[in-house]
Amino acid sequence: MWKEEENKLHRSLTFNDFRQAMTFMQQVADVAEELNHHPWWSNMYNKIEIELTTHDEGNTVTERDLKLAKRIDQIYDLMMASGE
C-alpha cells in the first residue's frame, strides 16, 4: 500500500522475477507518458521502489500523484492476478 512520507507517496512492490518487474515498469511508463507525470523509481531484480511527488507544486503530493498511484495499483493488481 502507498504511504505518504516527507511530501511523497511511496510504495514497495515485489514481483515473481526480474522479467515481470520490467514488464510492470514498461506498462507504468506508458501510463506516465499518457498522464505526463513521471515517477521516481528504482529496481533491484524483482523489487521496485516508487516515489510520487509533484515537483511543479513545490514537491508535494497532489491529485496528479494520486491519479498515477491509482493507475499503478491497477496495473500491479491485474499483473499479480493474471500471473503475467
N, C-alpha and C. Protein backbone atom coordinates (compact mmCIF):
# COMPACT_ATOMS: atom_id res chain seq x y z
N MET A 1 0.84 -1.18 0.00
CA MET A 1 0.00 0.00 0.00
C MET A 1 0.89 1.25 0.00
N TRP A 2 0.30 2.33 -0.44
CA TRP A 2 1.02 3.60 -0.50
C TRP A 2 1.12 4.21 0.89
N LYS A 3 2.28 4.81 1.17
CA LYS A 3 2.49 5.57 2.40
C LYS A 3 2.89 6.98 2.01
N GLU A 4 2.32 7.96 2.69
CA GLU A 4 2.73 9.33 2.44
C GLU A 4 3.75 9.72 3.50
N GLU A 5 4.96 10.04 3.04
CA GLU A 5 6.06 10.42 3.92
C GLU A 5 6.85 11.54 3.25
N GLU A 6 7.19 12.55 3.98
CA GLU A 6 8.04 13.64 3.50
C GLU A 6 7.55 14.21 2.16
N ASN A 7 6.25 14.46 2.08
CA ASN A 7 5.62 15.04 0.89
C ASN A 7 5.77 14.17 -0.35
N LYS A 8 5.80 12.84 -0.15
CA LYS A 8 5.88 11.89 -1.26
C LYS A 8 4.98 10.71 -0.95
N LEU A 9 4.43 10.12 -2.01
CA LEU A 9 3.78 8.82 -1.88
C LEU A 9 4.84 7.78 -2.17
N HIS A 10 4.91 6.74 -1.36
CA HIS A 10 5.92 5.70 -1.53
C HIS A 10 5.27 4.33 -1.49
N ARG A 11 5.75 3.45 -2.37
CA ARG A 11 5.27 2.07 -2.36
C ARG A 11 6.40 1.15 -2.79
N SER A 12 6.50 0.01 -2.11
CA SER A 12 7.44 -1.06 -2.46
C SER A 12 6.64 -2.21 -3.05
N LEU A 13 7.10 -2.74 -4.18
CA LEU A 13 6.41 -3.83 -4.85
C LEU A 13 7.37 -4.98 -5.09
N THR A 14 6.86 -6.20 -5.00
CA THR A 14 7.65 -7.39 -5.26
C THR A 14 6.98 -8.20 -6.36
N PHE A 15 7.80 -8.73 -7.26
CA PHE A 15 7.32 -9.48 -8.41
C PHE A 15 7.90 -10.89 -8.38
N ASN A 16 7.41 -11.73 -9.27
CA ASN A 16 7.88 -13.11 -9.32
C ASN A 16 9.32 -13.21 -9.79
N ASP A 17 9.71 -12.31 -10.69
CA ASP A 17 11.08 -12.33 -11.21
C ASP A 17 11.39 -10.98 -11.86
N PHE A 18 12.59 -10.87 -12.37
CA PHE A 18 13.05 -9.63 -13.00
C PHE A 18 12.22 -9.29 -14.23
N ARG A 19 11.93 -10.28 -15.05
CA ARG A 19 11.17 -10.04 -16.28
C ARG A 19 9.79 -9.44 -15.96
N GLN A 20 9.12 -9.97 -14.96
CA GLN A 20 7.81 -9.46 -14.58
C GLN A 20 7.93 -8.02 -14.08
N ALA A 21 8.98 -7.73 -13.31
CA ALA A 21 9.20 -6.36 -12.83
C ALA A 21 9.41 -5.40 -14.00
N MET A 22 10.16 -5.83 -15.01
CA MET A 22 10.40 -4.97 -16.17
C MET A 22 9.13 -4.78 -17.00
N THR A 23 8.31 -5.80 -17.11
CA THR A 23 7.04 -5.66 -17.82
C THR A 23 6.16 -4.63 -17.11
N PHE A 24 6.13 -4.71 -15.79
CA PHE A 24 5.38 -3.75 -14.99
C PHE A 24 5.90 -2.33 -15.23
N MET A 25 7.20 -2.15 -15.20
CA MET A 25 7.78 -0.82 -15.38
C MET A 25 7.42 -0.25 -16.75
N GLN A 26 7.42 -1.09 -17.77
CA GLN A 26 7.06 -0.60 -19.10
C GLN A 26 5.60 -0.17 -19.15
N GLN A 27 4.73 -0.94 -18.53
CA GLN A 27 3.31 -0.58 -18.51
C GLN A 27 3.09 0.73 -17.74
N VAL A 28 3.79 0.90 -16.64
CA VAL A 28 3.68 2.15 -15.87
C VAL A 28 4.27 3.31 -16.67
N ALA A 29 5.36 3.06 -17.38
CA ALA A 29 5.96 4.12 -18.20
C ALA A 29 4.97 4.63 -19.25
N ASP A 30 4.21 3.73 -19.84
CA ASP A 30 3.20 4.14 -20.82
C ASP A 30 2.14 5.03 -20.19
N VAL A 31 1.70 4.67 -19.00
CA VAL A 31 0.70 5.48 -18.28
C VAL A 31 1.31 6.83 -17.87
N ALA A 32 2.54 6.82 -17.41
CA ALA A 32 3.21 8.06 -17.00
C ALA A 32 3.29 9.03 -18.18
N GLU A 33 3.59 8.51 -19.36
CA GLU A 33 3.62 9.36 -20.55
C GLU A 33 2.23 9.90 -20.87
N GLU A 34 1.23 9.03 -20.76
CA GLU A 34 -0.16 9.45 -21.02
C GLU A 34 -0.57 10.58 -20.08
N LEU A 35 -0.20 10.46 -18.80
CA LEU A 35 -0.58 11.46 -17.80
C LEU A 35 0.41 12.62 -17.71
N ASN A 36 1.54 12.50 -18.42
CA ASN A 36 2.62 13.48 -18.33
C ASN A 36 3.02 13.72 -16.87
N HIS A 37 3.19 12.62 -16.16
CA HIS A 37 3.60 12.67 -14.75
C HIS A 37 4.44 11.43 -14.49
N HIS A 38 5.68 11.63 -14.12
CA HIS A 38 6.64 10.53 -14.10
C HIS A 38 7.13 10.22 -12.68
N PRO A 39 7.23 8.94 -12.36
CA PRO A 39 7.66 8.55 -11.02
C PRO A 39 9.18 8.57 -10.88
N TRP A 40 9.61 8.66 -9.64
CA TRP A 40 10.98 8.28 -9.30
C TRP A 40 10.86 6.83 -8.91
N TRP A 41 11.72 5.99 -9.45
CA TRP A 41 11.67 4.58 -9.07
C TRP A 41 13.04 3.94 -9.18
N SER A 42 13.17 2.82 -8.50
CA SER A 42 14.38 2.03 -8.60
C SER A 42 13.99 0.57 -8.65
N ASN A 43 14.88 -0.21 -9.24
CA ASN A 43 14.61 -1.64 -9.40
C ASN A 43 15.84 -2.43 -9.00
N MET A 44 15.63 -3.50 -8.25
CA MET A 44 16.67 -4.46 -7.94
C MET A 44 16.05 -5.84 -8.08
N TYR A 45 16.40 -6.51 -9.17
CA TYR A 45 15.88 -7.83 -9.52
C TYR A 45 14.35 -7.83 -9.56
N ASN A 46 13.68 -8.36 -8.52
CA ASN A 46 12.22 -8.46 -8.56
C ASN A 46 11.53 -7.45 -7.64
N LYS A 47 12.26 -6.43 -7.21
CA LYS A 47 11.69 -5.42 -6.31
C LYS A 47 11.77 -4.04 -6.96
N ILE A 48 10.68 -3.29 -6.81
CA ILE A 48 10.62 -1.92 -7.32
C ILE A 48 10.17 -1.01 -6.20
N GLU A 49 10.88 0.09 -6.04
CA GLU A 49 10.52 1.16 -5.11
C GLU A 49 10.03 2.34 -5.94
N ILE A 50 8.90 2.91 -5.56
CA ILE A 50 8.32 4.03 -6.30
C ILE A 50 8.05 5.18 -5.35
N GLU A 51 8.38 6.40 -5.80
CA GLU A 51 8.01 7.62 -5.08
C GLU A 51 7.32 8.55 -6.07
N LEU A 52 6.24 9.16 -5.61
CA LEU A 52 5.50 10.12 -6.41
C LEU A 52 5.42 11.44 -5.66
N THR A 53 5.72 12.51 -6.34
CA THR A 53 5.55 13.86 -5.82
C THR A 53 5.44 14.79 -7.02
N THR A 54 4.85 15.94 -6.83
CA THR A 54 4.68 16.89 -7.93
C THR A 54 5.68 18.02 -7.76
N HIS A 55 6.71 18.00 -8.58
CA HIS A 55 7.78 18.99 -8.48
C HIS A 55 7.28 20.39 -8.80
N ASP A 56 6.35 20.49 -9.76
CA ASP A 56 5.82 21.80 -10.17
C ASP A 56 5.02 22.48 -9.06
N GLU A 57 4.60 21.72 -8.07
CA GLU A 57 3.81 22.26 -6.96
C GLU A 57 4.62 22.31 -5.67
N GLY A 58 5.93 22.40 -5.80
CA GLY A 58 6.78 22.53 -4.62
C GLY A 58 7.07 21.21 -3.93
N ASN A 59 7.16 20.13 -4.71
CA ASN A 59 7.47 18.81 -4.16
C ASN A 59 6.48 18.41 -3.08
N THR A 60 5.24 18.33 -3.45
CA THR A 60 4.18 17.92 -2.54
C THR A 60 3.28 16.93 -3.27
N VAL A 61 2.47 16.21 -2.52
CA VAL A 61 1.54 15.25 -3.11
C VAL A 61 0.31 16.00 -3.61
N THR A 62 -0.02 15.77 -4.88
CA THR A 62 -1.17 16.42 -5.49
C THR A 62 -2.09 15.37 -6.11
N GLU A 63 -3.15 15.83 -6.70
CA GLU A 63 -4.10 14.95 -7.38
C GLU A 63 -3.41 14.16 -8.50
N ARG A 64 -2.42 14.76 -9.13
CA ARG A 64 -1.67 14.06 -10.18
C ARG A 64 -1.00 12.81 -9.63
N ASP A 65 -0.44 12.92 -8.44
CA ASP A 65 0.23 11.77 -7.81
C ASP A 65 -0.79 10.70 -7.45
N LEU A 66 -1.91 11.13 -6.90
CA LEU A 66 -2.95 10.18 -6.50
C LEU A 66 -3.51 9.44 -7.72
N LYS A 67 -3.66 10.16 -8.83
CA LYS A 67 -4.18 9.54 -10.05
C LYS A 67 -3.18 8.51 -10.59
N LEU A 68 -1.90 8.85 -10.62
CA LEU A 68 -0.89 7.91 -11.08
C LEU A 68 -0.78 6.72 -10.13
N ALA A 69 -0.85 6.96 -8.84
CA ALA A 69 -0.79 5.87 -7.86
C ALA A 69 -1.94 4.88 -8.09
N LYS A 70 -3.12 5.40 -8.37
CA LYS A 70 -4.27 4.53 -8.61
C LYS A 70 -4.04 3.67 -9.85
N ARG A 71 -3.52 4.27 -10.90
CA ARG A 71 -3.25 3.51 -12.13
C ARG A 71 -2.16 2.47 -11.90
N ILE A 72 -1.14 2.82 -11.13
CA ILE A 72 -0.08 1.87 -10.80
C ILE A 72 -0.66 0.68 -10.04
N ASP A 73 -1.52 0.96 -9.08
CA ASP A 73 -2.18 -0.12 -8.33
C ASP A 73 -2.96 -1.04 -9.25
N GLN A 74 -3.68 -0.46 -10.21
CA GLN A 74 -4.47 -1.26 -11.14
C GLN A 74 -3.58 -2.18 -11.98
N ILE A 75 -2.47 -1.64 -12.46
CA ILE A 75 -1.54 -2.44 -13.25
C ILE A 75 -0.97 -3.58 -12.42
N TYR A 76 -0.54 -3.25 -11.20
CA TYR A 76 0.06 -4.26 -10.32
C TYR A 76 -0.97 -5.34 -9.96
N ASP A 77 -2.16 -4.94 -9.58
CA ASP A 77 -3.18 -5.90 -9.17
C ASP A 77 -3.54 -6.84 -10.33
N LEU A 78 -3.69 -6.29 -11.52
CA LEU A 78 -4.01 -7.11 -12.69
C LEU A 78 -2.86 -8.08 -13.01
N MET A 79 -1.65 -7.59 -12.91
CA MET A 79 -0.50 -8.44 -13.20
C MET A 79 -0.38 -9.58 -12.20
N MET A 80 -0.60 -9.29 -10.94
CA MET A 80 -0.48 -10.32 -9.90
C MET A 80 -1.63 -11.34 -10.02
N ALA A 81 -2.80 -10.86 -10.41
CA ALA A 81 -3.95 -11.77 -10.55
C ALA A 81 -3.79 -12.70 -11.75
N SER A 82 -3.17 -12.19 -12.81
CA SER A 82 -3.04 -12.98 -14.03
C SER A 82 -1.76 -13.81 -14.06
N GLY A 83 -0.81 -13.48 -13.17
CA GLY A 83 0.45 -14.19 -13.13
C GLY A 83 1.35 -13.91 -14.31
N GLU A 84 1.11 -12.78 -14.99
CA GLU A 84 1.92 -12.39 -16.18
C GLU A 84 3.38 -12.47 -15.90
